[in-house]
Amino acid sequence: MPFALKTSSKFNRTAKKFPDKLKAALDDEVRIISENPEIGAMKKGDLAGIRVHKFGFYGRLYLLAYEVSTADEIIFIHALGGHENFYRDLKQYLKS
């Protein structure tokens, strides 16, 4: 059974600006994550506990940062974006 999903306001603001085709691809990637939460790469250091799933869309790389709570069976999606400054912005977001 897939995990339940919760999204941050940062993720929602970013996803809302995407074109419809990219939103459909994003929905597919989120479905893949909900079925197999271990798919993303586990981060270390300041981002310990965060997983990042990378996917391509029309030649551009997108990153999806999420956290998994296996006890509650919830996946919390924190952020979405291109690779440039993604990790820096994610660290700032998580600190606030």
Protein backbone atom coordinates (compact mmCIF):
# COMPACT_ATOMS: atom_id res chain seq x y z
CA MET A 1 0.00 0.00 0.00
CA PRO A 2 1.41 3.42 -0.95
CA PHE A 3 2.33 5.91 1.72
CA ALA A 4 0.14 8.97 2.37
CA LEU A 5 1.50 12.24 1.00
CA LYS A 6 1.80 15.67 2.58
CA THR A 7 3.30 18.65 0.79
CA SER A 8 4.90 21.85 2.01
CA SER A 9 3.73 25.29 0.96
CA LYS A 10 7.10 25.76 -0.79
CA PHE A 11 6.47 22.69 -2.93
CA ASN A 12 2.90 23.79 -3.70
CA ARG A 13 3.99 27.28 -4.78
CA THR A 14 6.65 25.86 -7.09
CA ALA A 15 4.47 23.14 -8.62
CA LYS A 16 1.62 25.57 -9.28
CA LYS A 17 3.83 27.56 -11.68
CA PHE A 18 4.74 24.56 -13.84
CA PRO A 19 3.16 23.90 -17.25
CA ASP A 20 0.54 21.12 -17.42
CA LYS A 21 2.85 18.57 -19.09
CA LEU A 22 5.45 19.00 -16.37
CA LYS A 23 2.75 18.75 -13.69
CA ALA A 24 1.67 15.41 -15.19
CA ALA A 25 5.28 14.16 -15.15
CA LEU A 26 5.60 15.38 -11.56
CA ASP A 27 2.45 13.46 -10.58
CA ASP A 28 4.00 10.31 -12.07
CA GLU A 29 7.23 10.83 -10.11
CA VAL A 30 5.33 11.45 -6.86
CA ARG A 31 3.35 8.24 -7.47
CA ILE A 32 6.63 6.34 -7.95
CA ILE A 33 7.96 7.76 -4.66
CA SER A 34 4.77 6.89 -2.77
CA GLU A 35 5.02 3.29 -3.98
CA ASN A 36 8.75 2.99 -3.23
CA PRO A 37 9.96 5.66 -0.74
CA GLU A 38 13.50 4.24 -0.73
CA ILE A 39 14.05 5.33 -4.37
CA GLY A 40 15.57 8.71 -3.48
CA ALA A 41 19.18 9.18 -2.43
CA MET A 42 19.59 9.70 1.33
CA LYS A 43 21.44 12.93 2.13
CA LYS A 44 24.05 13.48 4.83
CA GLY A 45 25.22 16.38 6.97
CA ASP A 46 22.84 19.33 7.20
CA LEU A 47 20.26 17.44 5.15
CA ALA A 48 20.37 14.17 7.10
CA GLY A 49 17.03 12.38 6.92
CA ILE A 50 16.09 13.99 3.62
CA ARG A 51 15.87 11.96 0.42
CA VAL A 52 16.22 13.47 -3.05
CA HIS A 53 14.71 11.89 -6.15
CA LYS A 54 16.03 13.15 -9.49
CA PHE A 55 14.09 13.01 -12.73
CA GLY A 56 14.47 14.47 -16.18
CA PHE A 57 11.90 16.32 -18.25
CA TYR A 58 12.67 17.56 -21.76
CA GLY A 59 16.40 17.52 -21.12
CA ARG A 60 16.26 19.34 -17.79
CA LEU A 61 17.04 17.75 -14.43
CA TYR A 62 14.57 18.26 -11.57
CA LEU A 63 15.05 17.35 -7.92
CA LEU A 64 12.33 16.41 -5.47
CA ALA A 65 13.23 16.53 -1.75
CA TYR A 66 11.15 14.50 0.68
CA GLU A 67 11.18 12.91 4.11
CA VAL A 68 9.73 9.51 4.99
CA SER A 69 8.04 8.66 8.28
CA THR A 70 7.75 4.87 8.21
CA ALA A 71 5.99 4.79 11.60
CA ASP A 72 3.17 7.04 10.36
CA GLU A 73 3.44 5.85 6.73
CA ILE A 74 3.66 9.45 5.52
CA ILE A 75 5.90 11.01 2.91
CA PHE A 76 6.39 14.76 3.39
CA ILE A 77 7.49 16.49 0.20
CA HIS A 78 9.57 19.55 1.03
CA ALA A 79 10.79 21.07 -2.22
CA LEU A 80 11.04 20.79 -5.97
CA GLY A 81 13.33 22.53 -8.42
CA GLY A 82 16.22 22.51 -10.81
CA HIS A 83 19.68 21.55 -9.64
CA GLU A 84 21.05 25.10 -9.49
CA ASN A 85 21.09 26.29 -5.85
CA PHE A 86 18.57 23.56 -4.92
CA TYR A 87 20.49 22.24 -1.92
CA ARG A 88 21.38 25.71 -0.65
CA ASP A 89 17.75 26.84 -0.83
CA LEU A 90 16.57 23.57 0.75
CA LYS A 91 18.91 24.07 3.73
CA GLN A 92 17.63 27.62 4.22
CA TYR A 93 14.02 26.44 4.01
CA LEU A 94 14.55 23.64 6.53
CA LYS A 95 16.24 26.01 9.01
CA SER A 96 13.26 28.38 8.99
